[in-house]
């Protein structure tokens, strides 16, 4: 995930790159079993390797200090992922996903 930074004097913006765990990504995509953990519909298509196309979403953004932990990462179809980031109800939907995580990945 990248967060935009203020523009520089040259008009170019800088980006901060946040490190993500490949293990967390692999785990949450496998946990989903080929279905969006938001809307529960099957992934919209298969990747070249045959796996379901879903996108990991960090419910608490890394730029806001969110953890790269399976308790806070959910597998979403592209529509649900865009809804969170660009939808008028994005913050509300993100809150609903956080509540849903209690059933998906219960805290010990």
PDB file of N, CA and C in Angstrom:
ATOM      1  N   UNK A   1       0.847  -1.165   0.000  1.00  0.00           N
ATOM      2  CA  UNK A   1       0.000   0.000   0.000  1.00  0.00           C
ATOM      3  C   UNK A   1       0.889   1.223   0.000  1.00  0.00           C
ATOM      4  N   UNK A   2       0.564   2.207  -0.766  1.00  0.00           N
ATOM      5  CA  UNK A   2       1.347   3.416  -0.839  1.00  0.00           C
ATOM      6  C   UNK A   2       0.488   4.583  -0.389  1.00  0.00           C
ATOM      7  N   UNK A   3       1.087   5.531   0.263  1.00  0.00           N
ATOM      8  CA  UNK A   3       0.379   6.729   0.681  1.00  0.00           C
ATOM      9  C   UNK A   3       0.999   7.917  -0.037  1.00  0.00           C
ATOM     10  N   UNK A   4       0.161   8.775  -0.580  1.00  0.00           N
ATOM     11  CA  UNK A   4       0.658   9.951  -1.280  1.00  0.00           C
ATOM     12  C   UNK A   4       1.196  10.957  -0.278  1.00  0.00           C
ATOM     13  N   UNK A   5       2.279  11.596  -0.642  1.00  0.00           N
ATOM     14  CA  UNK A   5       2.877  12.637   0.188  1.00  0.00           C
ATOM     15  C   UNK A   5       2.691  13.968  -0.522  1.00  0.00           C
ATOM     16  N   UNK A   6       2.930  15.058   0.173  1.00  0.00           N
ATOM     17  CA  UNK A   6       2.788  16.371  -0.461  1.00  0.00           C
ATOM     18  C   UNK A   6       3.678  16.500  -1.694  1.00  0.00           C
ATOM     19  N   UNK A   7       3.260  17.335  -2.627  1.00  0.00           N
ATOM     20  CA  UNK A   7       4.039  17.577  -3.839  1.00  0.00           C
ATOM     21  C   UNK A   7       5.342  18.275  -3.506  1.00  0.00           C
ATOM     22  N   UNK A   8       6.344  18.005  -4.307  1.00  0.00           N
ATOM     23  CA  UNK A   8       7.630  18.670  -4.149  1.00  0.00           C
ATOM     24  C   UNK A   8       7.631  19.946  -4.979  1.00  0.00           C
ATOM     25  N   UNK A   9       8.687  20.729  -4.872  1.00  0.00           N
ATOM     26  CA  UNK A   9       8.799  21.976  -5.624  1.00  0.00           C
ATOM     27  C   UNK A   9       8.730  21.729  -7.124  1.00  0.00           C
ATOM     28  N   UNK A  10       9.160  20.561  -7.574  1.00  0.00           N
ATOM     29  CA  UNK A  10       9.141  20.260  -9.005  1.00  0.00           C
ATOM     30  C   UNK A  10       7.748  19.842  -9.479  1.00  0.00           C
ATOM     31  N   UNK A  11       6.796  19.753  -8.546  1.00  0.00           N
ATOM     32  CA  UNK A  11       5.444  19.348  -8.925  1.00  0.00           C
ATOM     33  C   UNK A  11       5.218  17.853  -8.856  1.00  0.00           C
ATOM     34  N   UNK A  12       6.275  17.107  -8.607  1.00  0.00           N
ATOM     35  CA  UNK A  12       6.159  15.648  -8.492  1.00  0.00           C
ATOM     36  C   UNK A  12       5.796  15.308  -7.065  1.00  0.00           C
ATOM     37  N   UNK A  13       4.966  14.302  -6.885  1.00  0.00           N
ATOM     38  CA  UNK A  13       4.646  13.878  -5.526  1.00  0.00           C
ATOM     39  C   UNK A  13       5.575  12.744  -5.119  1.00  0.00           C
ATOM     40  N   UNK A  14       5.785  12.639  -3.824  1.00  0.00           N
ATOM     41  CA  UNK A  14       6.599  11.565  -3.278  1.00  0.00           C
ATOM     42  C   UNK A  14       5.664  10.513  -2.717  1.00  0.00           C
ATOM     43  N   UNK A  15       6.119   9.276  -2.678  1.00  0.00           N
ATOM     44  CA  UNK A  15       5.325   8.193  -2.125  1.00  0.00           C
ATOM     45  C   UNK A  15       6.132   7.494  -1.042  1.00  0.00           C
ATOM     46  N   UNK A  16       5.406   7.033  -0.049  1.00  0.00           N
ATOM     47  CA  UNK A  16       6.008   6.200   0.974  1.00  0.00           C
ATOM     48  C   UNK A  16       5.565   4.776   0.694  1.00  0.00           C
ATOM     49  N   UNK A  17       6.487   3.863   0.630  1.00  0.00           N
ATOM     50  CA  UNK A  17       6.181   2.456   0.380  1.00  0.00           C
ATOM     51  C   UNK A  17       6.164   1.738   1.726  1.00  0.00           C
ATOM     52  N   UNK A  18       5.061   1.044   2.006  1.00  0.00           N
ATOM     53  CA  UNK A  18       4.941   0.303   3.254  1.00  0.00           C
ATOM     54  C   UNK A  18       5.185  -1.167   2.996  1.00  0.00           C
ATOM     55  N   UNK A  19       6.038  -1.753   3.792  1.00  0.00           N
ATOM     56  CA  UNK A  19       6.362  -3.165   3.649  1.00  0.00           C
ATOM     57  C   UNK A  19       5.190  -4.016   4.115  1.00  0.00           C
ATOM     58  N   UNK A  20       4.868  -5.035   3.355  1.00  0.00           N
ATOM     59  CA  UNK A  20       3.781  -5.957   3.673  1.00  0.00           C
ATOM     60  C   UNK A  20       4.331  -7.364   3.708  1.00  0.00           C
ATOM     61  N   UNK A  21       3.785  -8.164   4.600  1.00  0.00           N
ATOM     62  CA  UNK A  21       4.210  -9.546   4.726  1.00  0.00           C
ATOM     63  C   UNK A  21       3.567 -10.397   3.636  1.00  0.00           C
ATOM     64  N   UNK A  22       4.397 -11.086   2.879  1.00  0.00           N
ATOM     65  CA  UNK A  22       3.881 -12.013   1.858  1.00  0.00           C
ATOM     66  C   UNK A  22       3.137 -13.164   2.530  1.00  0.00           C
ATOM     67  N   UNK A  23       3.562 -13.540   3.727  1.00  0.00           N
ATOM     68  CA  UNK A  23       2.885 -14.619   4.450  1.00  0.00           C
ATOM     69  C   UNK A  23       1.472 -14.209   4.859  1.00  0.00           C
ATOM     70  N   UNK A  24       1.301 -12.973   5.327  1.00  0.00           N
ATOM     71  CA  UNK A  24      -0.038 -12.493   5.697  1.00  0.00           C
ATOM     72  C   UNK A  24      -0.918 -12.465   4.460  1.00  0.00           C
ATOM     73  N   UNK A  25      -0.397 -11.942   3.359  1.00  0.00           N
ATOM     74  CA  UNK A  25      -1.144 -11.882   2.106  1.00  0.00           C
ATOM     75  C   UNK A  25      -1.586 -13.282   1.678  1.00  0.00           C
ATOM     76  N   UNK A  26      -0.663 -14.219   1.653  1.00  0.00           N
ATOM     77  CA  UNK A  26      -0.986 -15.591   1.244  1.00  0.00           C
ATOM     78  C   UNK A  26      -2.023 -16.211   2.167  1.00  0.00           C
ATOM     79  N   UNK A  27      -1.864 -15.981   3.465  1.00  0.00           N
ATOM     80  CA  UNK A  27      -2.788 -16.553   4.443  1.00  0.00           C
ATOM     81  C   UNK A  27      -4.212 -16.034   4.253  1.00  0.00           C
ATOM     82  N   UNK A  28      -4.379 -14.696   4.145  1.00  0.00           N
ATOM     83  CA  UNK A  28      -5.743 -14.159   4.055  1.00  0.00           C
ATOM     84  C   UNK A  28      -6.410 -14.532   2.732  1.00  0.00           C
ATOM     85  N   UNK A  29      -5.630 -14.644   1.668  1.00  0.00           N
ATOM     86  CA  UNK A  29      -6.221 -15.063   0.388  1.00  0.00           C
ATOM     87  C   UNK A  29      -6.642 -16.530   0.463  1.00  0.00           C
ATOM     88  N   UNK A  30      -5.844 -17.378   1.097  1.00  0.00           N
ATOM     89  CA  UNK A  30      -6.216 -18.787   1.267  1.00  0.00           C
ATOM     90  C   UNK A  30      -7.406 -18.922   2.213  1.00  0.00           C
ATOM     91  N   UNK A  31      -7.411 -18.125   3.279  1.00  0.00           N
ATOM     92  CA  UNK A  31      -8.507 -18.161   4.256  1.00  0.00           C
ATOM     93  C   UNK A  31      -9.854 -17.893   3.592  1.00  0.00           C
ATOM     94  N   UNK A  32      -9.873 -17.036   2.597  1.00  0.00           N
ATOM     95  CA  UNK A  32     -11.114 -16.657   1.928  1.00  0.00           C
ATOM     96  C   UNK A  32     -11.722 -17.804   1.116  1.00  0.00           C
ATOM     97  N   UNK A  33     -10.913 -18.761   0.729  1.00  0.00           N
ATOM     98  CA  UNK A  33     -11.431 -19.912  -0.011  1.00  0.00           C
ATOM     99  C   UNK A  33     -12.063 -19.558  -1.343  1.00  0.00           C
ATOM    100  N   UNK A  34     -11.582 -18.497  -1.977  1.00  0.00           N
ATOM    101  CA  UNK A  34     -12.079 -18.141  -3.306  1.00  0.00           C
ATOM    102  C   UNK A  34     -13.299 -17.239  -3.316  1.00  0.00           C
ATOM    103  N   UNK A  35     -13.747 -16.779  -2.141  1.00  0.00           N
ATOM    104  CA  UNK A  35     -14.916 -15.895  -2.067  1.00  0.00           C
ATOM    105  C   UNK A  35     -14.554 -14.615  -1.333  1.00  0.00           C
ATOM    106  N   UNK A  36     -15.132 -13.518  -1.765  1.00  0.00           N
ATOM    107  CA  UNK A  36     -14.929 -12.227  -1.123  1.00  0.00           C
ATOM    108  C   UNK A  36     -15.427 -12.309   0.319  1.00  0.00           C
ATOM    109  N   UNK A  37     -14.599 -11.861   1.253  1.00  0.00           N
ATOM    110  CA  UNK A  37     -15.005 -11.880   2.658  1.00  0.00           C
ATOM    111  C   UNK A  37     -15.892 -10.682   2.997  1.00  0.00           C
ATOM    112  N   UNK A  38     -16.109  -9.803   2.027  1.00  0.00           N
ATOM    113  CA  UNK A  38     -17.025  -8.679   2.219  1.00  0.00           C
ATOM    114  C   UNK A  38     -18.435  -9.052   1.785  1.00  0.00           C
ATOM    115  N   UNK A  39     -18.611  -9.261   0.483  1.00  0.00           N
ATOM    116  CA  UNK A  39     -19.945  -9.559  -0.067  1.00  0.00           C
ATOM    117  C   UNK A  39     -20.244 -11.056  -0.131  1.00  0.00           C
ATOM    118  N   UNK A  40     -19.268 -11.901   0.090  1.00  0.00           N
ATOM    119  CA  UNK A  40     -19.337 -13.375   0.085  1.00  0.00           C
ATOM    120  C   UNK A  40     -19.538 -13.994  -1.299  1.00  0.00           C
ATOM    121  N   UNK A  41     -19.497 -13.195  -2.352  1.00  0.00           N
ATOM    122  CA  UNK A  41     -19.614 -13.739  -3.704  1.00  0.00           C
ATOM    123  C   UNK A  41     -18.287 -14.364  -4.138  1.00  0.00           C
ATOM    124  N   UNK A  42     -18.336 -15.312  -5.072  1.00  0.00           N
ATOM    125  CA  UNK A  42     -17.085 -15.896  -5.575  1.00  0.00           C
ATOM    126  C   UNK A  42     -16.206 -14.821  -6.227  1.00  0.00           C
ATOM    127  N   UNK A  43     -14.908 -15.044  -6.192  1.00  0.00           N
ATOM    128  CA  UNK A  43     -13.979 -14.134  -6.873  1.00  0.00           C
ATOM    129  C   UNK A  43     -14.442 -13.951  -8.310  1.00  0.00           C
ATOM    130  N   UNK A  44     -14.281 -12.760  -8.883  1.00  0.00           N
ATOM    131  CA  UNK A  44     -14.816 -12.482 -10.218  1.00  0.00           C
ATOM    132  C   UNK A  44     -14.125 -13.228 -11.354  1.00  0.00           C
ATOM    133  N   UNK A  45     -12.893 -13.661 -11.137  1.00  0.00           N
ATOM    134  CA  UNK A  45     -12.166 -14.409 -12.163  1.00  0.00           C
ATOM    135  C   UNK A  45     -10.982 -15.110 -11.527  1.00  0.00           C
ATOM    136  N   UNK A  46     -10.332 -15.940 -12.311  1.00  0.00           N
ATOM    137  CA  UNK A  46      -9.155 -16.678 -11.856  1.00  0.00           C
ATOM    138  C   UNK A  46      -7.897 -16.001 -12.399  1.00  0.00           C
ATOM    139  N   UNK A  47      -6.850 -16.023 -11.607  1.00  0.00           N
ATOM    140  CA  UNK A  47      -5.546 -15.528 -12.053  1.00  0.00           C
ATOM    141  C   UNK A  47      -4.962 -16.533 -13.049  1.00  0.00           C
ATOM    142  N   UNK A  48      -3.902 -16.155 -13.713  1.00  0.00           N
ATOM    143  CA  UNK A  48      -3.234 -17.025 -14.673  1.00  0.00           C
ATOM    144  C   UNK A  48      -2.844 -18.351 -14.019  1.00  0.00           C
ATOM    145  N   UNK A  49      -2.455 -18.303 -12.730  1.00  0.00           N
ATOM    146  CA  UNK A  49      -2.044 -19.525 -12.032  1.00  0.00           C
ATOM    147  C   UNK A  49      -3.225 -20.367 -11.539  1.00  0.00           C
ATOM    148  N   UNK A  50      -4.460 -19.920 -11.812  1.00  0.00           N
ATOM    149  CA  UNK A  50      -5.651 -20.664 -11.419  1.00  0.00           C
ATOM    150  C   UNK A  50      -6.236 -20.269 -10.081  1.00  0.00           C
ATOM    151  N   UNK A  51      -5.547 -19.421  -9.330  1.00  0.00           N
ATOM    152  CA  UNK A  51      -6.072 -18.986  -8.031  1.00  0.00           C
ATOM    153  C   UNK A  51      -7.143 -17.912  -8.222  1.00  0.00           C
ATOM    154  N   UNK A  52      -7.987 -17.783  -7.219  1.00  0.00           N
ATOM    155  CA  UNK A  52      -9.066 -16.794  -7.262  1.00  0.00           C
ATOM    156  C   UNK A  52      -8.496 -15.385  -7.139  1.00  0.00           C
ATOM    157  N   UNK A  53      -9.035 -14.457  -7.938  1.00  0.00           N
ATOM    158  CA  UNK A  53      -8.570 -13.071  -7.859  1.00  0.00           C
ATOM    159  C   UNK A  53      -9.326 -12.344  -6.752  1.00  0.00           C
ATOM    160  N   UNK A  54      -8.627 -12.116  -5.656  1.00  0.00           N
ATOM    161  CA  UNK A  54      -9.113 -11.301  -4.548  1.00  0.00           C
ATOM    162  C   UNK A  54      -7.982 -10.373  -4.132  1.00  0.00           C
ATOM    163  N   UNK A  55      -8.329  -9.300  -3.458  1.00  0.00           N
ATOM    164  CA  UNK A  55      -7.342  -8.306  -3.048  1.00  0.00           C
ATOM    165  C   UNK A  55      -7.321  -8.181  -1.527  1.00  0.00           C
ATOM    166  N   UNK A  56      -6.156  -8.291  -0.907  1.00  0.00           N
ATOM    167  CA  UNK A  56      -6.074  -8.083   0.535  1.00  0.00           C
ATOM    168  C   UNK A  56      -6.320  -6.606   0.864  1.00  0.00           C
ATOM    169  N   UNK A  57      -7.139  -6.364   1.858  1.00  0.00           N
ATOM    170  CA  UNK A  57      -7.425  -4.989   2.288  1.00  0.00           C
ATOM    171  C   UNK A  57      -7.082  -4.857   3.774  1.00  0.00           C
ATOM    172  N   UNK A  58      -6.238  -3.891   4.084  1.00  0.00           N
ATOM    173  CA  UNK A  58      -5.887  -3.597   5.469  1.00  0.00           C
ATOM    174  C   UNK A  58      -6.961  -2.677   6.031  1.00  0.00           C
ATOM    175  N   UNK A  59      -7.738  -3.188   6.960  1.00  0.00           N
ATOM    176  CA  UNK A  59      -8.856  -2.433   7.507  1.00  0.00           C
ATOM    177  C   UNK A  59      -8.370  -1.168   8.204  1.00  0.00           C
ATOM    178  N   UNK A  60      -7.217  -1.254   8.826  1.00  0.00           N
ATOM    179  CA  UNK A  60      -6.559  -0.059   9.359  1.00  0.00           C
ATOM    180  C   UNK A  60      -5.317   0.163   8.519  1.00  0.00           C
ATOM    181  N   UNK A  61      -5.276   1.267   7.783  1.00  0.00           N
ATOM    182  CA  UNK A  61      -4.191   1.536   6.839  1.00  0.00           C
ATOM    183  C   UNK A  61      -2.834   1.611   7.528  1.00  0.00           C
ATOM    184  N   UNK A  62      -1.832   1.124   6.831  1.00  0.00           N
ATOM    185  CA  UNK A  62      -0.455   1.196   7.344  1.00  0.00           C
ATOM    186  C   UNK A  62      -0.060   2.651   7.577  1.00  0.00           C
ATOM    187  N   UNK A  63      -0.520   3.538   6.721  1.00  0.00           N
ATOM    188  CA  UNK A  63      -0.182   4.956   6.873  1.00  0.00           C
ATOM    189  C   UNK A  63      -0.790   5.545   8.146  1.00  0.00           C
ATOM    190  N   UNK A  64      -1.797   4.857   8.718  1.00  0.00           N
ATOM    191  CA  UNK A  64      -2.393   5.285   9.981  1.00  0.00           C
ATOM    192  C   UNK A  64      -1.902   4.439  11.149  1.00  0.00           C
ATOM    193  N   UNK A  65      -0.857   3.652  10.926  1.00  0.00           N
ATOM    194  CA  UNK A  65      -0.292   2.822  11.979  1.00  0.00           C
ATOM    195  C   UNK A  65      -0.959   1.468  12.116  1.00  0.00           C
ATOM    196  N   UNK A  66      -1.747   1.068  11.118  1.00  0.00           N
ATOM    197  CA  UNK A  66      -2.437  -0.216  11.177  1.00  0.00           C
ATOM    198  C   UNK A  66      -1.472  -1.385  11.067  1.00  0.00           C
ATOM    199  N   UNK A  67      -1.814  -2.494  11.738  1.00  0.00           N
ATOM    200  CA  UNK A  67      -0.931  -3.662  11.732  1.00  0.00           C
ATOM    201  C   UNK A  67      -1.069  -4.510  10.471  1.00  0.00           C
ATOM    202  N   UNK A  68       0.009  -5.143  10.097  1.00  0.00           N
ATOM    203  CA  UNK A  68       0.006  -6.110   8.997  1.00  0.00           C
ATOM    204  C   UNK A  68      -0.216  -7.478   9.656  1.00  0.00           C
ATOM    205  N   UNK A  69      -1.461  -7.710  10.064  1.00  0.00           N
ATOM    206  CA  UNK A  69      -1.828  -8.866  10.871  1.00  0.00           C
ATOM    207  C   UNK A  69      -3.132  -9.436  10.319  1.00  0.00           C
ATOM    208  N   UNK A  70      -3.264 -10.759  10.216  1.00  0.00           N
ATOM    209  CA  UNK A  70      -4.478 -11.360   9.647  1.00  0.00           C
ATOM    210  C   UNK A  70      -5.776 -10.958  10.341  1.00  0.00           C
ATOM    211  N   UNK A  71      -5.704 -10.485  11.583  1.00  0.00           N
ATOM    212  CA  UNK A  71      -6.899 -10.028  12.286  1.00  0.00           C
ATOM    213  C   UNK A  71      -7.423  -8.708  11.722  1.00  0.00           C
ATOM    214  N   UNK A  72      -6.602  -8.024  10.942  1.00  0.00           N
ATOM    215  CA  UNK A  72      -6.967  -6.720  10.401  1.00  0.00           C
ATOM    216  C   UNK A  72      -6.809  -6.639   8.885  1.00  0.00           C
ATOM    217  N   UNK A  73      -6.683  -7.803   8.230  1.00  0.00           N
ATOM    218  CA  UNK A  73      -6.571  -7.857   6.766  1.00  0.00           C
ATOM    219  C   UNK A  73      -7.661  -8.787   6.264  1.00  0.00           C
ATOM    220  N   UNK A  74      -8.433  -8.309   5.297  1.00  0.00           N
ATOM    221  CA  UNK A  74      -9.566  -9.059   4.772  1.00  0.00           C
ATOM    222  C   UNK A  74      -9.404  -9.203   3.260  1.00  0.00           C
ATOM    223  N   UNK A  75      -9.858 -10.322   2.708  1.00  0.00           N
ATOM    224  CA  UNK A  75      -9.786 -10.552   1.258  1.00  0.00           C
ATOM    225  C   UNK A  75     -11.067 -10.035   0.613  1.00  0.00           C
ATOM    226  N   UNK A  76     -10.912  -9.125  -0.335  1.00  0.00           N
ATOM    227  CA  UNK A  76     -12.072  -8.513  -0.986  1.00  0.00           C
ATOM    228  C   UNK A  76     -12.010  -8.668  -2.501  1.00  0.00           C
ATOM    229  N   UNK A  77     -13.189  -8.737  -3.114  1.00  0.00           N
ATOM    230  CA  UNK A  77     -13.268  -8.664  -4.567  1.00  0.00           C
ATOM    231  C   UNK A  77     -12.942  -7.220  -4.961  1.00  0.00           C
ATOM    232  N   UNK A  78     -12.607  -6.975  -6.212  1.00  0.00           N
ATOM    233  CA  UNK A  78     -12.258  -5.610  -6.622  1.00  0.00           C
ATOM    234  C   UNK A  78     -13.377  -4.597  -6.356  1.00  0.00           C
ATOM    235  N   UNK A  79     -14.644  -5.012  -6.519  1.00  0.00           N
ATOM    236  CA  UNK A  79     -15.746  -4.073  -6.275  1.00  0.00           C
ATOM    237  C   UNK A  79     -15.820  -3.659  -4.810  1.00  0.00           C
ATOM    238  N   UNK A  80     -15.720  -4.615  -3.905  1.00  0.00           N
ATOM    239  CA  UNK A  80     -15.761  -4.278  -2.480  1.00  0.00           C
ATOM    240  C   UNK A  80     -14.545  -3.447  -2.086  1.00  0.00           C
ATOM    241  N   UNK A  81     -13.388  -3.757  -2.660  1.00  0.00           N
ATOM    242  CA  UNK A  81     -12.181  -3.003  -2.330  1.00  0.00           C
ATOM    243  C   UNK A  81     -12.313  -1.551  -2.789  1.00  0.00           C
ATOM    244  N   UNK A  82     -12.817  -1.351  -3.992  1.00  0.00           N
ATOM    245  CA  UNK A  82     -13.019   0.022  -4.484  1.00  0.00           C
ATOM    246  C   UNK A  82     -14.085   0.731  -3.661  1.00  0.00           C
ATOM    247  N   UNK A  83     -15.119  -0.009  -3.223  1.00  0.00           N
ATOM    248  CA  UNK A  83     -16.174   0.587  -2.395  1.00  0.00           C
ATOM    249  C   UNK A  83     -15.568   1.174  -1.124  1.00  0.00           C
ATOM    250  N   UNK A  84     -14.666   0.443  -0.484  1.00  0.00           N
ATOM    251  CA  UNK A  84     -14.032   0.933   0.736  1.00  0.00           C
ATOM    252  C   UNK A  84     -13.249   2.213   0.462  1.00  0.00           C
ATOM    253  N   UNK A  85     -12.480   2.224  -0.616  1.00  0.00           N
ATOM    254  CA  UNK A  85     -11.575   3.348  -0.869  1.00  0.00           C
ATOM    255  C   UNK A  85     -12.196   4.509  -1.640  1.00  0.00           C
ATOM    256  N   UNK A  86     -13.240   4.256  -2.432  1.00  0.00           N
ATOM    257  CA  UNK A  86     -13.791   5.324  -3.270  1.00  0.00           C
ATOM    258  C   UNK A  86     -15.293   5.528  -3.105  1.00  0.00           C
ATOM    259  N   UNK A  87     -15.952   4.663  -2.387  1.00  0.00           N
ATOM    260  CA  UNK A  87     -17.402   4.760  -2.242  1.00  0.00           C
ATOM    261  C   UNK A  87     -17.821   5.824  -1.245  1.00  0.00           C
ATOM    262  N   UNK A  88     -19.017   6.381  -1.479  1.00  0.00           N
ATOM    263  CA  UNK A  88     -19.562   7.374  -0.554  1.00  0.00           C
ATOM    264  C   UNK A  88     -19.715   6.787   0.845  1.00  0.00           C
ATOM    265  N   UNK A  89     -19.986   5.488   0.924  1.00  0.00           N
ATOM    266  CA  UNK A  89     -20.134   4.824   2.230  1.00  0.00           C
ATOM    267  C   UNK A  89     -18.868   4.063   2.633  1.00  0.00           C
ATOM    268  N   UNK A  90     -17.735   4.388   2.025  1.00  0.00           N
ATOM    269  CA  UNK A  90     -16.490   3.666   2.284  1.00  0.00           C
ATOM    270  C   UNK A  90     -16.119   3.546   3.745  1.00  0.00           C
ATOM    271  N   UNK A  91     -16.099   4.644   4.493  1.00  0.00           N
ATOM    272  CA  UNK A  91     -15.748   4.522   5.919  1.00  0.00           C
ATOM    273  C   UNK A  91     -16.739   3.657   6.705  1.00  0.00           C
ATOM    274  N   UNK A  92     -18.010   3.777   6.388  1.00  0.00           N
ATOM    275  CA  UNK A  92     -19.022   2.948   7.055  1.00  0.00           C
ATOM    276  C   UNK A  92     -18.827   1.483   6.699  1.00  0.00           C
ATOM    277  N   UNK A  93     -18.601   1.208   5.411  1.00  0.00           N
ATOM    278  CA  UNK A  93     -18.392  -0.171   4.971  1.00  0.00           C
ATOM    279  C   UNK A  93     -17.136  -0.751   5.603  1.00  0.00           C
ATOM    280  N   UNK A  94     -16.076   0.048   5.710  1.00  0.00           N
ATOM    281  CA  UNK A  94     -14.845  -0.413   6.342  1.00  0.00           C
ATOM    282  C   UNK A  94     -15.122  -0.791   7.799  1.00  0.00           C
ATOM    283  N   UNK A  95     -15.946  -0.028   8.479  1.00  0.00           N
ATOM    284  CA  UNK A  95     -16.331  -0.350   9.851  1.00  0.00           C
ATOM    285  C   UNK A  95     -17.105  -1.653   9.929  1.00  0.00           C
ATOM    286  N   UNK A  96     -17.966  -1.900   8.943  1.00  0.00           N
ATOM    287  CA  UNK A  96     -18.711  -3.161   8.887  1.00  0.00           C
ATOM    288  C   UNK A  96     -17.756  -4.339   8.671  1.00  0.00           C
ATOM    289  N   UNK A  97     -16.746  -4.134   7.833  1.00  0.00           N
ATOM    290  CA  UNK A  97     -15.756  -5.190   7.601  1.00  0.00           C
ATOM    291  C   UNK A  97     -14.961  -5.476   8.872  1.00  0.00           C
ATOM    292  N   UNK A  98     -14.615  -4.433   9.612  1.00  0.00           N
ATOM    293  CA  UNK A  98     -13.897  -4.630  10.871  1.00  0.00           C
ATOM    294  C   UNK A  98     -14.749  -5.456  11.839  1.00  0.00           C
ATOM    295  N   UNK A  99     -16.043  -5.161  11.923  1.00  0.00           N
ATOM    296  CA  UNK A  99     -16.937  -5.929  12.793  1.00  0.00           C
ATOM    297  C   UNK A  99     -17.018  -7.382  12.339  1.00  0.00           C
ATOM    298  N   UNK A 100     -17.049  -7.599  11.037  1.00  0.00           N
ATOM    299  CA  UNK A 100     -17.129  -8.945  10.460  1.00  0.00           C
ATOM    300  C   UNK A 100     -15.871  -9.765  10.756  1.00  0.00           C
ATOM    301  N   UNK A 101     -14.735  -9.077  10.907  1.00  0.00           N
ATOM    302  CA  UNK A 101     -13.466  -9.779  11.158  1.00  0.00           C
ATOM    303  C   UNK A 101     -13.497 -10.582  12.447  1.00  0.00           C
ATOM    304  N   UNK A 102     -14.331 -10.195  13.405  1.00  0.00           N
ATOM    305  CA  UNK A 102     -14.447 -10.945  14.647  1.00  0.00           C
ATOM    306  C   UNK A 102     -14.900 -12.384  14.415  1.00  0.00           C
ATOM    307  N   UNK A 103     -15.728 -12.584  13.384  1.00  0.00           N
ATOM    308  CA  UNK A 103     -16.180 -13.940  13.031  1.00  0.00           C
ATOM    309  C   UNK A 103     -15.183 -14.634  12.104  1.00  0.00           C
ATOM    310  N   UNK A 104     -14.548 -13.852  11.234  1.00  0.00           N
ATOM    311  CA  UNK A 104     -13.625 -14.423  10.252  1.00  0.00           C
ATOM    312  C   UNK A 104     -12.316 -14.867  10.902  1.00  0.00           C
ATOM    313  N   UNK A 105     -11.769 -14.024  11.754  1.00  0.00           N
ATOM    314  CA  UNK A 105     -10.458 -14.265  12.388  1.00  0.00           C
ATOM    315  C   UNK A 105     -10.556 -13.813  13.848  1.00  0.00           C
ATOM    316  N   UNK A 106     -11.195 -14.639  14.698  1.00  0.00           N
ATOM    317  CA  UNK A 106     -11.384 -14.239  16.100  1.00  0.00           C
ATOM    318  C   UNK A 106     -10.057 -14.006  16.825  1.00  0.00           C
ATOM    319  N   UNK A 107     -10.047 -12.964  17.659  1.00  0.00           N
ATOM    320  CA  UNK A 107      -8.872 -12.695  18.501  1.00  0.00           C
ATOM    321  C   UNK A 107      -8.840 -13.744  19.595  1.00  0.00           C
ATOM    322  N   UNK A 108      -7.663 -14.204  19.952  1.00  0.00           N
ATOM    323  CA  UNK A 108      -7.514 -15.236  20.988  1.00  0.00           C
ATOM    324  C   UNK A 108      -7.844 -14.711  22.352  1.00  0.00           C
TER     325      UNK A 108
END
